Amino acid sequence: QVQVVESGGDMVQPGGSLRLSCATSGAVFKVINMGWYRQPPGKQRDLVAMITTDNNTRYTDSVRGRFTISKDTTKDMVYLQMNNLRPEDTAVYYCNAYPAIGMYWGQGTPVTVSM
């Protein structure tokens, strides 16, 4: 049913750090760009970070300098290192191809940044 499984979300204090993991099905990201998306409560789901097949990265302005996307091709894993977290980073985080493929959406992993 789902093509990816996200994990690592938690409740953290502002300024804290968290590392999210995405287990993919097979080695799909070896041949397609991958991204991390997030959906804050009551808002739309947006791309926050993307990594290309040749390991170039892009970030949305609000996370640039704080978040780092990476991948491990030997383990079929994609990661999102999040530092200096802010309350506005609170969201459910998803990984998917970029551009997103509808049937690849998983359950996401929730991140809550709060005192």
Protein backbone atom coordinates (compact mmCIF):
# COMPACT_ATOMS: atom_id res chain seq x y z
CA GLN A 1 0.00 0.00 0.00
CA VAL A 2 2.58 2.57 1.13
CA GLN A 3 5.87 2.96 -0.68
CA VAL A 4 7.90 4.66 2.07
CA VAL A 5 8.03 4.57 5.87
CA GLU A 6 9.03 7.70 7.77
CA SER A 7 10.31 7.62 11.34
CA GLY A 8 12.14 9.71 13.92
CA GLY A 9 9.53 12.33 14.70
CA ASP A 10 9.19 13.42 18.30
CA MET A 11 8.33 16.28 20.59
CA VAL A 12 11.33 18.56 21.13
CA GLN A 13 11.97 21.95 22.69
CA PRO A 14 12.73 25.02 20.59
CA GLY A 15 16.38 25.01 19.62
CA GLY A 16 16.54 21.24 19.71
CA SER A 17 17.55 18.83 16.97
CA LEU A 18 15.99 15.78 15.37
CA ARG A 19 16.91 13.36 12.60
CA LEU A 20 14.17 11.90 10.45
CA SER A 21 14.59 8.70 8.46
CA CYS A 22 12.80 7.46 5.37
CA ALA A 23 12.93 3.80 4.39
CA THR A 24 12.18 3.45 0.70
CA SER A 25 10.92 0.52 -1.31
CA GLY A 26 13.77 -0.85 -3.34
CA ALA A 27 16.28 1.59 -4.73
CA VAL A 28 13.91 4.06 -6.35
CA PHE A 29 15.87 7.14 -5.26
CA LYS A 30 18.88 5.97 -7.21
CA VAL A 31 17.01 6.96 -10.36
CA ILE A 32 14.72 9.75 -9.17
CA ASN A 33 15.02 12.89 -7.04
CA MET A 34 13.77 12.58 -3.45
CA GLY A 35 12.25 15.16 -1.16
CA TRP A 36 11.03 15.82 2.34
CA TYR A 37 7.64 17.50 2.68
CA ARG A 38 5.77 18.78 5.70
CA GLN A 39 2.20 19.66 6.54
CA PRO A 40 1.63 21.96 9.54
CA PRO A 41 -1.73 21.74 11.32
CA GLY A 42 -4.41 23.36 9.21
CA LYS A 43 -2.04 24.13 6.33
CA GLN A 44 -1.06 22.63 3.00
CA ARG A 45 1.70 20.12 2.44
CA ASP A 46 4.82 21.74 0.99
CA LEU A 47 8.28 20.65 -0.09
CA VAL A 48 11.01 21.65 2.37
CA ALA A 49 14.09 19.85 1.03
CA MET A 50 15.08 17.95 -2.08
CA ILE A 51 18.06 15.85 -3.11
CA THR A 52 18.82 14.91 -6.70
CA THR A 53 20.12 11.67 -8.09
CA ASP A 54 23.59 13.23 -8.30
CA ASN A 55 23.40 14.52 -4.70
CA ASN A 56 22.63 18.17 -5.25
CA THR A 57 20.28 19.67 -2.66
CA ARG A 58 17.68 22.43 -2.48
CA TYR A 59 15.83 23.89 0.49
CA THR A 60 12.91 26.17 1.10
CA ASP A 61 13.96 29.52 2.56
CA SER A 62 12.55 28.89 6.02
CA VAL A 63 14.75 25.83 6.65
CA ARG A 64 17.90 26.66 4.72
CA GLY A 65 20.91 26.58 7.04
CA ARG A 66 19.04 24.55 9.65
CA PHE A 67 17.97 21.39 7.81
CA THR A 68 20.13 18.97 5.81
CA ILE A 69 18.79 16.28 3.50
CA SER A 70 20.97 13.27 2.71
CA LYS A 71 20.71 9.71 1.48
CA ASP A 72 22.40 6.36 1.92
CA THR A 73 22.13 4.40 -1.29
CA THR A 74 23.43 1.18 0.26
CA LYS A 75 20.57 1.14 2.80
CA ASP A 76 17.81 2.64 0.64
CA MET A 77 17.43 5.41 3.23
CA VAL A 78 16.82 9.15 3.02
CA TYR A 79 17.43 11.39 6.02
CA LEU A 80 16.53 14.86 7.20
CA GLN A 81 18.72 16.37 9.90
CA MET A 82 16.86 19.23 11.58
CA ASN A 83 18.72 21.65 13.84
CA ASN A 84 17.67 24.78 15.72
CA LEU A 85 14.04 23.75 15.56
CA ARG A 86 11.34 26.39 15.88
CA PRO A 87 7.69 26.09 16.91
CA GLU A 88 6.69 26.85 13.33
CA ASP A 89 8.50 23.68 12.24
CA THR A 90 5.73 21.69 13.91
CA ALA A 91 4.20 19.47 11.23
CA VAL A 92 3.80 15.96 9.94
CA TYR A 93 6.85 15.22 7.82
CA TYR A 94 6.74 13.03 4.72
CA CYS A 95 9.24 11.75 2.21
CA ASN A 96 8.46 11.10 -1.41
CA ALA A 97 9.92 11.47 -4.85
CA TYR A 98 10.32 14.93 -6.32
CA PRO A 99 8.05 15.68 -8.03
CA ALA A 100 5.82 13.69 -5.68
CA ILE A 101 4.18 10.47 -6.81
CA GLY A 102 0.68 10.06 -5.42
CA MET A 103 0.82 6.41 -4.47
CA TYR A 104 4.17 6.87 -2.70
CA TRP A 105 2.74 8.91 0.21
CA GLY A 106 3.21 7.20 3.57
CA GLN A 107 1.80 7.98 6.99
CA GLY A 108 4.42 10.60 7.77
CA THR A 109 6.10 11.19 11.11
CA PRO A 110 4.93 13.98 13.42
CA VAL A 111 7.30 16.61 14.77
CA THR A 112 6.19 18.90 17.56
CA VAL A 113 8.38 21.79 18.68
CA SER A 114 7.10 23.11 21.98
CA MET A 115 8.08 23.98 25.52
